[in-house]
Amino acid sequence: MARLSKIPHTFVIISALILFCGILTWFIPAGQYEYEKREVNGVSRDVIVNNSYHVVESSPQTWQIFGSLLEGFKKQAGIIAFVLIIGGAFQIMNSSRAIDFGIFSFLEKSGHLEKKRLFRKIGVHNLVIIFSMLIFSLFGAIFGMSEETLAFVIIFVPLAISMGYDSITGLLMVYVAAHVGFSGAIINPFTIGIAQGLSGLQLFSGFEYRLVVWVILTAIIITFTLIYASKVKKNPKLSPMYELDEYWRKRESEAVKIDFATKTPISAWIVFAIVTTVLIIFSIAYPKTTISLGGADITFVCLPVLTLLFGAIGVYTLRKSYLFFILNVLAFTIVFLVIGVLGYGWYLTEISALFLAMGIISGFSMGSGANDIAKEFIVGAKDILTAALIVGLAGGIIQVLTEGRIMDTILYSLSSTMEGTGKGGTVSIMYFIQTCINIFIPSGSAKAALTMPIMAPFSDVIGLSRQATVMAFQFGDGFTNMVTPTSAVLIGALGIARIPYEVWIKWFWKLLLCLMLVGLVLLMPTVYMQLNGF
């Protein structure tokens, strides 16, 4: 631990960044763009008016930097509440030890598969890593999965520990996989959709090359994860989280001592009946669901089918043990999450409600009373409180830059550097600019609204494809999301996994550099080759 103690605490790092941004407001001239409302894919957004940048009265920040924590909390209130609810809901479920039971059952089954020659040669655990990362990367590429990964980190980190890996491997399997997919987006409506809409391009055009990009980036991150995980499994002390992962290992060892041979209490059957009745009501109210993927809409009887499956599998699992039933609830929660996001446009409010319901259902299913469930929820929320505080603190960086009126000045200065650099140089500078801006504005949709009205017309002047400009935005928006301290999702994921930000940065920067260089290489064909849609 002596080595880690030399690295500043996450609170110190982010506080220093807030102070640095406050100092910048004294030296960088204040300026602003004019904004106008524009309809983009059916949503009204504030976009920059071209050539509207002008100097305004400076607003240097002094005592305001101390108020940035409160303002950061106000701006990131949704993510903060989401993290706390997720922590509380999963603590209720964890108190049943159902997830531990599921992990041990999986490991037992995988042990039997390892006896078969084919699986022994490939490695069952390797297949788990590959399959998980493919799914989450695909989710990131198709519907921009980001905040949703927080709910899965708390599942996959203990799974990775149980397979002999570390918490970093667990984070790679979920959070990083989804964000690499986000970077290589195929039809992500929150980045590609908005950027192309603002650029006047056909929605999700250039699909073919984006698919190639996604395959390359996903293959790279899976290969890296398999190599790293193999090294950690052979020598656990190679992990920078070896000592800090003692929390997860202790939790795993305690789970081994638990007798999972439990019967199903009558309360679980009552809960099952209530949930099934509610699902039937929803199935009647919403008999058909339209799933939107890119430009295609698929309508089918989703809720009635899922209700029928939940009822059938629910009876089967309840007859075995309430632990099986709780795992069944978790599985259907994930399915409903995907359907809700793709079919009904769910976001933080609906998703947090879904997981809160999951936690309460789990609590009553194992026979706990309302007071016990409330106490477990508080324990879980308290456990994740540090991550929530860091999320609020990180929001203060954006607050200081905005109130200091230098955010637009930074954007204007960066965009001015592109003049006279040629096509290849321009797209590279665009990529660099988007990467820099992402440190201060991690929201992809907000960044698209701010930058694309400037970048798209400029690309026309030098004869650069607007698709190339969109892809420069796509890469610049995605990769640095995995390190920027202003990303509430990153801070939340690290907090749930119990990985200090300073440890993560020190470990991840080489992989980040590799991904960014690959992104630069993948940009060049959009400039010098005739690609479909470009």
Protein backbone atom coordinates (compact mmCIF):
# COMPACT_ATOMS: atom_id res chain seq x y z
CA MET A 1 0.00 0.00 0.00
CA ALA A 2 3.00 2.30 0.38
CA ARG A 3 3.27 2.58 -3.40
CA LEU A 4 -0.38 3.62 -3.73
CA SER A 5 -0.20 6.14 -0.91
CA LYS A 6 2.07 8.38 -3.04
CA ILE A 7 -0.72 8.89 -5.56
CA PRO A 8 -3.14 11.73 -4.66
CA HIS A 9 -6.63 10.75 -3.57
CA THR A 10 -9.44 11.10 -6.15
CA PHE A 11 -10.93 13.99 -4.16
CA VAL A 12 -7.56 15.76 -4.27
CA ILE A 13 -7.14 15.23 -8.03
CA ILE A 14 -10.59 16.57 -8.91
CA SER A 15 -10.32 19.45 -6.43
CA ALA A 16 -7.00 20.42 -8.04
CA LEU A 17 -8.65 20.40 -11.47
CA ILE A 18 -11.44 22.66 -10.19
CA LEU A 19 -8.83 25.06 -8.77
CA PHE A 20 -6.87 24.98 -12.05
CA CYS A 21 -10.02 25.77 -14.06
CA GLY A 22 -10.76 28.61 -11.64
CA ILE A 23 -7.28 30.06 -12.28
CA LEU A 24 -7.84 29.76 -16.05
CA THR A 25 -10.89 32.03 -15.78
CA TRP A 26 -8.50 34.84 -14.75
CA PHE A 27 -6.28 34.51 -17.83
CA ILE A 28 -8.41 33.17 -20.70
CA PRO A 29 -10.58 35.88 -22.31
CA ALA A 30 -14.30 35.37 -21.78
CA GLY A 31 -16.41 34.73 -24.84
CA GLN A 32 -19.65 33.17 -25.99
CA TYR A 33 -21.42 31.83 -29.05
CA GLU A 34 -25.00 32.65 -29.96
CA TYR A 35 -27.31 29.63 -29.77
CA GLU A 36 -30.48 28.72 -31.61
CA LYS A 37 -33.08 25.99 -31.25
CA ARG A 38 -32.95 23.34 -33.95
CA GLU A 39 -35.00 20.21 -34.44
CA VAL A 40 -32.67 17.18 -34.64
CA ASN A 41 -34.29 13.77 -35.21
CA GLY A 42 -37.47 14.97 -33.56
CA VAL A 43 -35.75 16.54 -30.54
CA SER A 44 -35.23 20.27 -29.98
CA ARG A 45 -31.59 21.12 -29.21
CA ASP A 46 -29.51 24.25 -28.62
CA VAL A 47 -26.88 24.54 -31.37
CA ILE A 48 -24.24 27.16 -32.09
CA VAL A 49 -24.94 29.83 -34.70
CA ASN A 50 -22.08 29.81 -37.21
CA ASN A 51 -19.60 32.73 -36.92
CA SER A 52 -21.37 34.03 -33.81
CA TYR A 53 -18.49 33.94 -31.34
CA HIS A 54 -17.99 37.24 -29.55
CA VAL A 55 -16.09 38.58 -26.57
CA VAL A 56 -18.09 39.15 -23.37
CA GLU A 57 -17.33 40.58 -19.96
CA SER A 58 -14.99 38.33 -18.02
CA SER A 59 -16.21 36.49 -14.95
CA PRO A 60 -13.15 35.27 -13.02
CA GLN A 61 -14.03 32.68 -10.40
CA THR A 62 -12.96 33.17 -6.79
CA TRP A 63 -15.15 31.97 -3.91
CA GLN A 64 -17.41 30.33 -6.50
CA ILE A 65 -15.07 27.35 -6.73
CA PHE A 66 -16.16 26.41 -3.20
CA GLY A 67 -19.77 26.46 -4.31
CA SER A 68 -19.00 24.27 -7.32
CA LEU A 69 -19.61 21.12 -5.25
CA LEU A 70 -23.24 22.08 -4.67
CA GLU A 71 -23.69 23.16 -8.28
CA GLY A 72 -22.03 19.92 -9.42
CA PHE A 73 -24.49 17.99 -7.31
CA LYS A 74 -27.38 19.88 -8.89
CA LYS A 75 -26.12 19.24 -12.42
CA GLN A 76 -25.36 15.55 -11.78
CA ALA A 77 -28.34 14.92 -9.49
CA GLY A 78 -29.77 12.26 -11.80
CA ILE A 79 -26.59 10.18 -11.91
CA ILE A 80 -25.95 10.63 -8.18
CA ALA A 81 -29.45 9.46 -7.25
CA PHE A 82 -29.17 6.62 -9.76
CA VAL A 83 -25.90 5.40 -8.22
CA LEU A 84 -27.35 5.52 -4.70
CA ILE A 85 -30.52 3.66 -5.75
CA ILE A 86 -28.50 1.01 -7.58
CA GLY A 87 -26.28 0.54 -4.52
CA GLY A 88 -29.29 0.21 -2.22
CA ALA A 89 -31.26 -2.09 -4.52
CA PHE A 90 -28.39 -4.50 -5.06
CA GLN A 91 -27.57 -4.54 -1.36
CA ILE A 92 -31.10 -5.85 -0.73
CA MET A 93 -30.55 -8.53 -3.35
CA ASN A 94 -27.03 -9.27 -2.08
CA SER A 95 -28.38 -9.82 1.44
CA SER A 96 -30.18 -12.87 0.06
CA ARG A 97 -26.82 -14.16 -1.29
CA ALA A 98 -28.63 -15.05 -4.52
CA ILE A 99 -25.90 -13.52 -6.71
CA ASP A 100 -23.23 -15.41 -4.78
CA PHE A 101 -25.29 -18.56 -5.24
CA GLY A 102 -25.54 -17.87 -8.97
CA ILE A 103 -21.79 -17.32 -9.26
CA PHE A 104 -20.95 -20.52 -7.43
CA SER A 105 -23.48 -22.46 -9.48
CA PHE A 106 -21.90 -21.09 -12.65
CA LEU A 107 -18.39 -21.94 -11.49
CA GLU A 108 -19.51 -25.46 -10.62
CA LYS A 109 -21.08 -25.93 -14.06
CA SER A 110 -18.06 -24.45 -15.81
CA GLY A 111 -15.83 -26.84 -13.86
CA HIS A 112 -17.72 -29.74 -15.43
CA LEU A 113 -17.36 -28.19 -18.90
CA GLU A 114 -13.60 -27.84 -18.40
CA LYS A 115 -13.39 -31.63 -18.37
CA LYS A 116 -14.37 -31.68 -22.03
CA ARG A 117 -11.43 -31.38 -24.38
CA LEU A 118 -12.77 -28.53 -26.54
CA PHE A 119 -13.77 -26.32 -23.61
CA ARG A 120 -10.56 -27.15 -21.75
CA LYS A 121 -8.53 -26.01 -24.75
CA ILE A 122 -10.43 -22.74 -25.21
CA GLY A 123 -11.14 -22.13 -21.53
CA VAL A 124 -14.69 -21.66 -20.22
CA HIS A 125 -13.73 -18.49 -18.40
CA ASN A 126 -12.26 -17.10 -21.63
CA LEU A 127 -15.59 -17.78 -23.33
CA VAL A 128 -17.40 -15.93 -20.53
CA ILE A 129 -15.14 -12.89 -21.03
CA ILE A 130 -15.54 -12.95 -24.82
CA PHE A 131 -19.32 -13.40 -24.79
CA SER A 132 -19.88 -10.74 -22.10
CA MET A 133 -17.70 -8.17 -23.83
CA LEU A 134 -19.31 -8.81 -27.21
CA ILE A 135 -22.77 -8.22 -25.76
CA PHE A 136 -21.88 -5.03 -23.89
CA SER A 137 -19.85 -3.65 -26.79
CA LEU A 138 -22.80 -4.28 -29.09
CA PHE A 139 -25.12 -2.52 -26.65
CA GLY A 140 -22.78 0.48 -26.61
CA ALA A 141 -22.58 0.57 -30.40
CA ILE A 142 -26.33 0.20 -31.02
CA PHE A 143 -28.13 2.18 -28.33
CA GLY A 144 -25.31 3.97 -26.55
CA MET A 145 -25.24 1.95 -23.36
CA SER A 146 -23.41 3.99 -20.75
CA GLU A 147 -25.21 4.79 -17.49
CA GLU A 148 -26.85 1.37 -17.66
CA THR A 149 -23.47 -0.35 -17.16
CA LEU A 150 -23.44 0.77 -13.51
CA ALA A 151 -26.06 -1.84 -12.68
CA PHE A 152 -23.90 -4.59 -14.17
CA VAL A 153 -20.56 -3.62 -12.62
CA ILE A 154 -21.80 -4.80 -9.23
CA ILE A 155 -22.50 -8.23 -10.78
CA PHE A 156 -19.45 -8.75 -12.99
CA VAL A 157 -16.75 -7.58 -10.57
CA PRO A 158 -17.47 -10.34 -8.01
CA LEU A 159 -17.85 -12.79 -10.93
CA ALA A 160 -14.37 -11.85 -12.18
CA ILE A 161 -12.94 -12.25 -8.67
CA SER A 162 -14.57 -15.68 -8.35
CA MET A 163 -13.00 -16.78 -11.64
CA GLY A 164 -9.55 -15.88 -10.31
CA TYR A 165 -9.19 -12.44 -11.89
CA ASP A 166 -9.38 -8.94 -10.37
CA SER A 167 -11.82 -6.04 -10.19
CA ILE A 168 -10.17 -4.37 -13.20
CA THR A 169 -11.03 -7.42 -15.31
CA GLY A 170 -14.63 -7.15 -14.14
CA LEU A 171 -14.71 -3.48 -15.17
CA LEU A 172 -13.17 -4.33 -18.55
CA MET A 173 -15.88 -6.95 -19.15
CA VAL A 174 -18.72 -4.46 -18.67
CA TYR A 175 -17.92 -0.76 -18.51
CA VAL A 176 -14.92 -0.65 -20.87
CA ALA A 177 -16.51 -3.07 -23.36
CA ALA A 178 -19.64 -0.91 -23.56
CA HIS A 179 -17.65 2.29 -23.98
CA VAL A 180 -15.37 0.86 -26.64
CA GLY A 181 -18.57 -0.12 -28.45
CA PHE A 182 -19.83 3.43 -27.78
CA SER A 183 -16.63 4.76 -29.41
CA GLY A 184 -17.05 2.53 -32.45
CA ALA A 185 -20.78 3.30 -32.61
CA ILE A 186 -22.72 1.69 -35.44
CA ILE A 187 -26.16 3.27 -35.02
CA ASN A 188 -25.93 4.97 -31.61
CA PRO A 189 -28.74 7.57 -31.72
CA PHE A 190 -27.15 9.74 -29.00
CA THR A 191 -23.89 10.33 -30.88
CA ILE A 192 -24.08 9.24 -34.53
CA GLY A 193 -27.76 10.13 -34.85
CA ILE A 194 -27.41 13.66 -33.47
CA ALA A 195 -24.07 14.40 -35.18
CA GLN A 196 -25.35 13.26 -38.58
CA GLY A 197 -28.63 15.12 -38.08
CA LEU A 198 -26.80 18.37 -37.34
CA SER A 199 -24.48 17.76 -40.31
CA GLY A 200 -27.38 17.29 -42.73
CA LEU A 201 -26.48 13.66 -43.45
CA GLN A 202 -28.84 10.76 -43.93
CA LEU A 203 -29.43 9.16 -40.54
CA PHE A 204 -27.00 6.26 -39.86
CA SER A 205 -25.50 6.44 -43.34
CA GLY A 206 -21.99 5.00 -43.65
CA PHE A 207 -23.15 1.98 -41.65
CA GLU A 208 -20.81 -0.43 -43.47
CA TYR A 209 -17.53 1.20 -42.49
CA ARG A 210 -18.74 1.88 -38.94
CA LEU A 211 -19.45 -1.83 -38.61
CA VAL A 212 -15.86 -2.61 -39.67
CA VAL A 213 -14.59 -0.07 -37.13
CA TRP A 214 -16.67 -1.63 -34.35
CA VAL A 215 -15.35 -5.12 -35.14
CA ILE A 216 -11.72 -3.93 -35.05
CA LEU A 217 -12.06 -1.98 -31.79
CA THR A 218 -14.02 -4.77 -30.08
CA ALA A 219 -11.46 -7.38 -31.18
CA ILE A 220 -8.65 -5.23 -29.75
CA ILE A 221 -10.25 -4.73 -26.34
CA ILE A 222 -11.27 -8.40 -26.01
CA THR A 223 -7.76 -9.56 -26.94
CA PHE A 224 -6.21 -7.15 -24.44
CA THR A 225 -8.59 -8.26 -21.70
CA LEU A 226 -7.88 -11.96 -22.30
CA ILE A 227 -4.12 -11.36 -22.13
CA TYR A 228 -4.36 -9.23 -18.98
CA ALA A 229 -6.80 -11.61 -17.27
CA SER A 230 -4.54 -14.57 -18.02
CA LYS A 231 -1.54 -12.82 -16.44
CA VAL A 232 -3.52 -11.91 -13.32
CA LYS A 233 -4.83 -15.45 -12.97
CA LYS A 234 -1.31 -16.88 -13.15
CA ASN A 235 0.08 -14.29 -10.72
CA PRO A 236 -2.61 -12.28 -8.83
CA LYS A 237 0.03 -9.95 -7.37
CA LEU A 238 0.59 -8.46 -10.84
CA SER A 239 -2.74 -6.70 -10.46
CA PRO A 240 -2.52 -3.11 -9.12
CA MET A 241 -5.72 -3.96 -7.24
CA TYR A 242 -4.35 -7.07 -5.51
CA GLU A 243 -4.41 -5.59 -2.01
CA LEU A 244 -7.53 -3.47 -2.50
CA ASP A 245 -9.48 -6.44 -3.91
CA GLU A 246 -9.31 -8.06 -0.47
CA TYR A 247 -12.84 -6.71 0.09
CA TRP A 248 -14.18 -8.81 -2.80
CA ARG A 249 -12.14 -11.88 -1.88
CA LYS A 250 -13.34 -11.69 1.72
CA ARG A 251 -16.91 -11.43 0.54
CA GLU A 252 -16.37 -14.47 -1.69
CA SER A 253 -14.87 -16.52 1.14
CA GLU A 254 -17.79 -15.65 3.41
CA ALA A 255 -20.20 -16.79 0.72
CA VAL A 256 -18.51 -20.20 0.59
CA LYS A 257 -19.55 -20.83 4.19
CA ILE A 258 -23.24 -20.17 3.49
CA ASP A 259 -25.65 -23.08 3.21
CA PHE A 260 -27.57 -22.44 0.00
CA ALA A 261 -29.93 -25.40 0.53
CA THR A 262 -32.89 -23.21 1.43
CA LYS A 263 -36.62 -23.60 0.93
CA THR A 264 -39.00 -21.09 -0.58
CA PRO A 265 -41.02 -19.04 1.95
CA ILE A 266 -44.71 -18.37 1.30
CA SER A 267 -43.89 -14.66 0.85
CA ALA A 268 -41.99 -15.50 -2.36
CA TRP A 269 -45.12 -17.10 -3.84
CA ILE A 270 -47.17 -14.03 -2.86
CA VAL A 271 -44.62 -11.74 -4.49
CA PHE A 272 -44.63 -13.90 -7.61
CA ALA A 273 -48.43 -13.67 -7.84
CA ILE A 274 -48.39 -9.87 -7.45
CA VAL A 275 -45.60 -9.34 -10.00
CA THR A 276 -47.25 -11.67 -12.52
CA THR A 277 -50.57 -9.84 -12.11
CA VAL A 278 -48.87 -6.49 -12.70
CA LEU A 279 -47.13 -7.84 -15.81
CA ILE A 280 -50.45 -9.14 -17.14
CA ILE A 281 -51.98 -5.68 -16.69
CA PHE A 282 -49.06 -4.08 -18.55
CA SER A 283 -49.34 -6.72 -21.29
CA ILE A 284 -52.97 -5.77 -21.82
CA ALA A 285 -52.17 -2.05 -21.79
CA TYR A 286 -49.14 -2.46 -24.10
CA PRO A 287 -49.80 -5.57 -26.20
CA LYS A 288 -47.23 -4.59 -28.84
CA THR A 289 -43.81 -3.03 -28.52
CA THR A 290 -41.89 -1.23 -31.26
CA ILE A 291 -38.14 -1.68 -31.01
CA SER A 292 -36.15 1.01 -32.84
CA LEU A 293 -32.71 0.00 -34.11
CA GLY A 294 -31.18 2.61 -36.34
CA GLY A 295 -33.65 3.39 -39.07
CA ALA A 296 -35.55 0.10 -38.67
CA ASP A 297 -38.59 -0.44 -36.44
CA ILE A 298 -39.62 -3.91 -35.31
CA THR A 299 -43.05 -4.37 -33.72
CA PHE A 300 -44.00 -7.55 -31.87
CA VAL A 301 -45.93 -8.82 -28.83
CA CYS A 302 -43.01 -8.38 -26.47
CA LEU A 303 -44.63 -7.87 -23.04
CA PRO A 304 -47.17 -10.72 -23.36
CA VAL A 305 -44.40 -13.15 -24.34
CA LEU A 306 -42.13 -12.00 -21.50
CA THR A 307 -45.02 -12.26 -19.03
CA LEU A 308 -45.71 -15.82 -20.13
CA LEU A 309 -42.02 -16.73 -19.80
CA PHE A 310 -41.74 -15.07 -16.39
CA GLY A 311 -44.76 -17.01 -15.14
CA ALA A 312 -43.52 -20.37 -16.41
CA ILE A 313 -39.91 -19.95 -15.26
CA GLY A 314 -41.06 -18.35 -12.00
CA VAL A 315 -43.07 -21.42 -10.98
CA TYR A 316 -40.15 -23.69 -11.86
CA THR A 317 -37.60 -21.64 -9.89
CA LEU A 318 -39.85 -21.19 -6.85
CA ARG A 319 -40.27 -24.95 -6.59
CA LYS A 320 -36.48 -25.30 -6.39
CA SER A 321 -35.53 -22.40 -4.07
CA TYR A 322 -36.22 -18.72 -3.56
CA LEU A 323 -32.58 -18.13 -4.56
CA PHE A 324 -33.35 -19.41 -8.06
CA PHE A 325 -36.43 -17.19 -8.15
CA ILE A 326 -34.43 -14.07 -7.20
CA LEU A 327 -31.91 -14.86 -9.95
CA ASN A 328 -34.87 -15.21 -12.31
CA VAL A 329 -36.05 -11.74 -11.22
CA LEU A 330 -32.55 -10.36 -11.93
CA ALA A 331 -32.47 -11.95 -15.39
CA PHE A 332 -35.88 -10.53 -16.35
CA THR A 333 -34.90 -7.14 -14.92
CA ILE A 334 -32.04 -7.04 -17.43
CA VAL A 335 -34.36 -8.10 -20.26
CA PHE A 336 -36.91 -5.44 -19.35
CA LEU A 337 -34.09 -2.90 -19.16
CA VAL A 338 -33.11 -3.59 -22.79
CA ILE A 339 -36.75 -3.57 -23.96
CA GLY A 340 -37.47 -0.38 -22.04
CA VAL A 341 -34.46 1.48 -23.49
CA LEU A 342 -35.00 0.35 -27.08
CA GLY A 343 -38.79 0.27 -27.13
CA TYR A 344 -39.92 3.00 -24.75
CA GLY A 345 -36.99 5.39 -24.50
CA TRP A 346 -36.26 4.70 -20.86
CA TYR A 347 -33.55 6.67 -19.11
CA LEU A 348 -32.41 7.16 -15.51
CA THR A 349 -35.85 7.59 -13.92
CA GLU A 350 -37.37 4.44 -15.39
CA ILE A 351 -34.22 2.35 -15.03
CA SER A 352 -33.72 3.31 -11.38
CA ALA A 353 -37.38 2.49 -10.72
CA LEU A 354 -36.91 -0.90 -12.36
CA PHE A 355 -33.91 -1.82 -10.21
CA LEU A 356 -35.50 -0.47 -7.05
CA ALA A 357 -38.49 -2.73 -7.73
CA MET A 358 -36.06 -5.60 -8.28
CA GLY A 359 -34.47 -4.98 -4.88
CA ILE A 360 -37.81 -4.78 -3.05
CA ILE A 361 -39.09 -7.92 -4.79
CA SER A 362 -35.89 -9.74 -3.79
CA GLY A 363 -36.25 -8.63 -0.18
CA PHE A 364 -39.83 -9.83 0.25
CA SER A 365 -39.07 -13.03 -1.69
CA MET A 366 -36.54 -14.14 0.92
CA GLY A 367 -38.98 -13.41 3.74
CA SER A 368 -37.61 -10.06 4.95
CA GLY A 369 -39.88 -7.46 6.47
CA ALA A 370 -40.25 -3.85 5.32
CA ASN A 371 -37.94 -2.56 8.09
CA ASP A 372 -35.20 -5.06 7.18
CA ILE A 373 -35.44 -4.11 3.50
CA ALA A 374 -35.19 -0.41 4.37
CA LYS A 375 -32.12 -1.03 6.55
CA GLU A 376 -30.39 -3.00 3.78
CA PHE A 377 -31.15 -0.25 1.27
CA ILE A 378 -29.55 2.34 3.56
CA VAL A 379 -26.47 0.11 3.99
CA GLY A 380 -26.11 -0.18 0.22
CA ALA A 381 -26.58 3.54 -0.38
CA LYS A 382 -24.09 4.36 2.37
CA ASP A 383 -21.59 1.95 0.85
CA ILE A 384 -21.71 3.78 -2.47
CA LEU A 385 -21.86 7.31 -1.01
CA THR A 386 -18.18 8.06 -1.71
CA ALA A 387 -18.71 7.45 -5.42
CA ALA A 388 -21.77 9.72 -5.36
CA LEU A 389 -19.75 12.51 -3.70
CA ILE A 390 -17.03 12.21 -6.34
CA VAL A 391 -19.63 12.42 -9.11
CA GLY A 392 -20.91 15.69 -7.65
CA LEU A 393 -17.41 17.05 -7.17
CA ALA A 394 -16.48 16.23 -10.79
CA GLY A 395 -19.52 18.17 -11.98
CA GLY A 396 -17.94 21.23 -10.39
CA ILE A 397 -15.27 21.33 -13.12
CA ILE A 398 -17.87 22.03 -15.80
CA GLN A 399 -19.61 24.51 -13.51
CA VAL A 400 -16.45 26.62 -13.03
CA LEU A 401 -15.66 26.69 -16.78
CA THR A 402 -19.23 27.63 -17.66
CA GLU A 403 -19.66 30.31 -15.02
CA GLY A 404 -16.20 31.65 -15.86
CA ARG A 405 -17.40 32.09 -19.47
CA ILE A 406 -14.35 30.42 -20.98
CA MET A 407 -15.94 27.18 -22.23
CA ASP A 408 -16.88 28.72 -25.59
CA THR A 409 -13.53 30.52 -25.80
CA ILE A 410 -11.70 27.20 -25.50
CA LEU A 411 -13.95 25.71 -28.18
CA TYR A 412 -13.42 28.70 -30.51
CA SER A 413 -9.64 28.65 -30.03
CA LEU A 414 -9.40 24.96 -30.76
CA SER A 415 -11.54 25.20 -33.91
CA SER A 416 -9.34 28.05 -35.21
CA THR A 417 -6.30 25.77 -35.30
CA MET A 418 -7.70 23.77 -38.26
CA GLU A 419 -7.14 26.41 -40.93
CA GLY A 420 -4.63 25.55 -43.69
CA THR A 421 -3.78 22.02 -42.54
CA GLY A 422 -5.13 19.94 -45.46
CA LYS A 423 -7.68 17.12 -45.33
CA GLY A 424 -5.63 14.59 -43.34
CA GLY A 425 -4.35 17.23 -40.97
CA THR A 426 -7.80 18.74 -40.51
CA VAL A 427 -9.52 15.48 -39.62
CA SER A 428 -6.67 14.70 -37.20
CA ILE A 429 -7.04 18.10 -35.54
CA MET A 430 -10.81 17.63 -35.37
CA TYR A 431 -10.20 14.33 -33.61
CA PHE A 432 -7.80 16.03 -31.19
CA ILE A 433 -10.24 18.90 -30.55
CA GLN A 434 -13.14 16.56 -29.84
CA THR A 435 -10.90 14.57 -27.49
CA CYS A 436 -9.91 17.71 -25.58
CA ILE A 437 -13.48 18.99 -25.39
CA ASN A 438 -14.62 15.62 -24.09
CA ILE A 439 -12.59 16.18 -20.95
CA PHE A 440 -14.84 19.14 -20.12
CA ILE A 441 -18.09 18.02 -21.78
CA PRO A 442 -18.43 14.23 -21.46
CA SER A 443 -22.03 14.24 -22.77
CA GLY A 444 -21.94 13.06 -26.39
CA SER A 445 -25.26 14.65 -27.36
CA ALA A 446 -24.33 18.01 -25.80
CA LYS A 447 -20.91 17.98 -27.48
CA ALA A 448 -22.46 17.16 -30.86
CA ALA A 449 -24.84 20.11 -30.51
CA LEU A 450 -21.92 22.40 -29.64
CA THR A 451 -19.29 21.31 -32.16
CA MET A 452 -20.95 19.89 -35.28
CA PRO A 453 -22.46 23.22 -36.44
CA ILE A 454 -18.87 24.52 -36.54
CA MET A 455 -17.06 21.43 -37.84
CA ALA A 456 -19.48 20.39 -40.60
CA PRO A 457 -19.44 23.66 -42.61
CA PHE A 458 -15.66 23.96 -42.21
CA SER A 459 -15.18 20.46 -43.69
CA ASP A 460 -17.08 21.62 -46.80
CA VAL A 461 -14.63 24.49 -47.31
CA ILE A 462 -11.62 22.19 -47.58
CA GLY A 463 -13.46 19.38 -49.40
CA LEU A 464 -13.53 16.95 -46.48
CA SER A 465 -16.41 14.49 -46.19
CA ARG A 466 -18.90 15.40 -43.47
CA GLN A 467 -19.00 11.70 -42.61
CA ALA A 468 -15.28 11.91 -41.75
CA THR A 469 -16.07 14.88 -39.51
CA VAL A 470 -18.78 12.87 -37.75
CA MET A 471 -16.38 9.97 -37.24
CA ALA A 472 -13.74 12.31 -35.77
CA PHE A 473 -16.40 13.45 -33.32
CA GLN A 474 -17.38 9.82 -32.63
CA PHE A 475 -13.84 8.75 -31.68
CA GLY A 476 -13.06 11.96 -29.81
CA ASP A 477 -16.25 11.58 -27.82
CA GLY A 478 -15.79 7.91 -26.93
CA PHE A 479 -12.28 6.97 -25.88
CA THR A 480 -11.57 9.63 -23.26
CA ASN A 481 -14.91 8.95 -21.56
CA MET A 482 -13.02 6.14 -19.86
CA VAL A 483 -10.58 8.51 -18.09
CA THR A 484 -12.10 11.98 -17.83
CA PRO A 485 -12.90 12.88 -14.20
CA THR A 486 -15.96 14.84 -15.36
CA SER A 487 -17.64 11.62 -16.50
CA ALA A 488 -20.19 10.73 -13.84
CA VAL A 489 -20.55 7.22 -15.27
CA LEU A 490 -16.80 6.52 -14.99
CA ILE A 491 -16.63 7.79 -11.43
CA GLY A 492 -19.73 5.81 -10.53
CA ALA A 493 -18.38 2.60 -12.09
CA LEU A 494 -15.03 2.97 -10.31
CA GLY A 495 -16.82 3.62 -7.04
CA ILE A 496 -18.98 0.51 -7.37
CA ALA A 497 -15.94 -1.61 -8.32
CA ARG A 498 -13.93 -0.02 -5.46
CA ILE A 499 -11.13 0.99 -7.82
CA PRO A 500 -9.53 4.34 -6.87
CA TYR A 501 -9.48 6.82 -9.75
CA GLU A 502 -5.75 7.38 -9.33
CA VAL A 503 -5.05 3.64 -9.63
CA TRP A 504 -7.28 3.39 -12.71
CA ILE A 505 -5.54 6.27 -14.51
CA LYS A 506 -2.09 4.88 -13.82
CA TRP A 507 -3.11 1.46 -15.14
CA PHE A 508 -5.35 2.47 -18.06
CA TRP A 509 -3.40 5.23 -19.83
CA LYS A 510 -1.35 2.90 -22.06
CA LEU A 511 -4.47 1.10 -23.29
CA LEU A 512 -6.16 4.47 -23.86
CA LEU A 513 -3.20 5.68 -25.92
CA CYS A 514 -3.36 2.50 -28.02
CA LEU A 515 -7.10 2.94 -28.68
CA MET A 516 -6.64 6.60 -29.62
CA LEU A 517 -3.86 5.77 -32.08
CA VAL A 518 -5.99 3.03 -33.62
CA GLY A 519 -8.81 5.57 -33.90
CA LEU A 520 -6.50 7.95 -35.78
CA VAL A 521 -5.51 5.18 -38.21
CA LEU A 522 -9.17 4.25 -38.77
CA LEU A 523 -9.96 7.89 -39.59
CA MET A 524 -7.56 8.04 -42.53
CA PRO A 525 -9.57 5.78 -44.90
CA THR A 526 -12.51 8.21 -44.55
CA VAL A 527 -10.26 10.89 -46.10
CA TYR A 528 -8.32 9.03 -48.77
CA MET A 529 -10.61 6.13 -49.77
CA GLN A 530 -14.00 6.02 -51.45
CA LEU A 531 -16.21 4.39 -48.83
CA ASN A 532 -19.91 3.69 -49.13
CA GLY A 533 -21.86 6.52 -47.50
CA PHE A 534 -18.78 8.76 -47.15
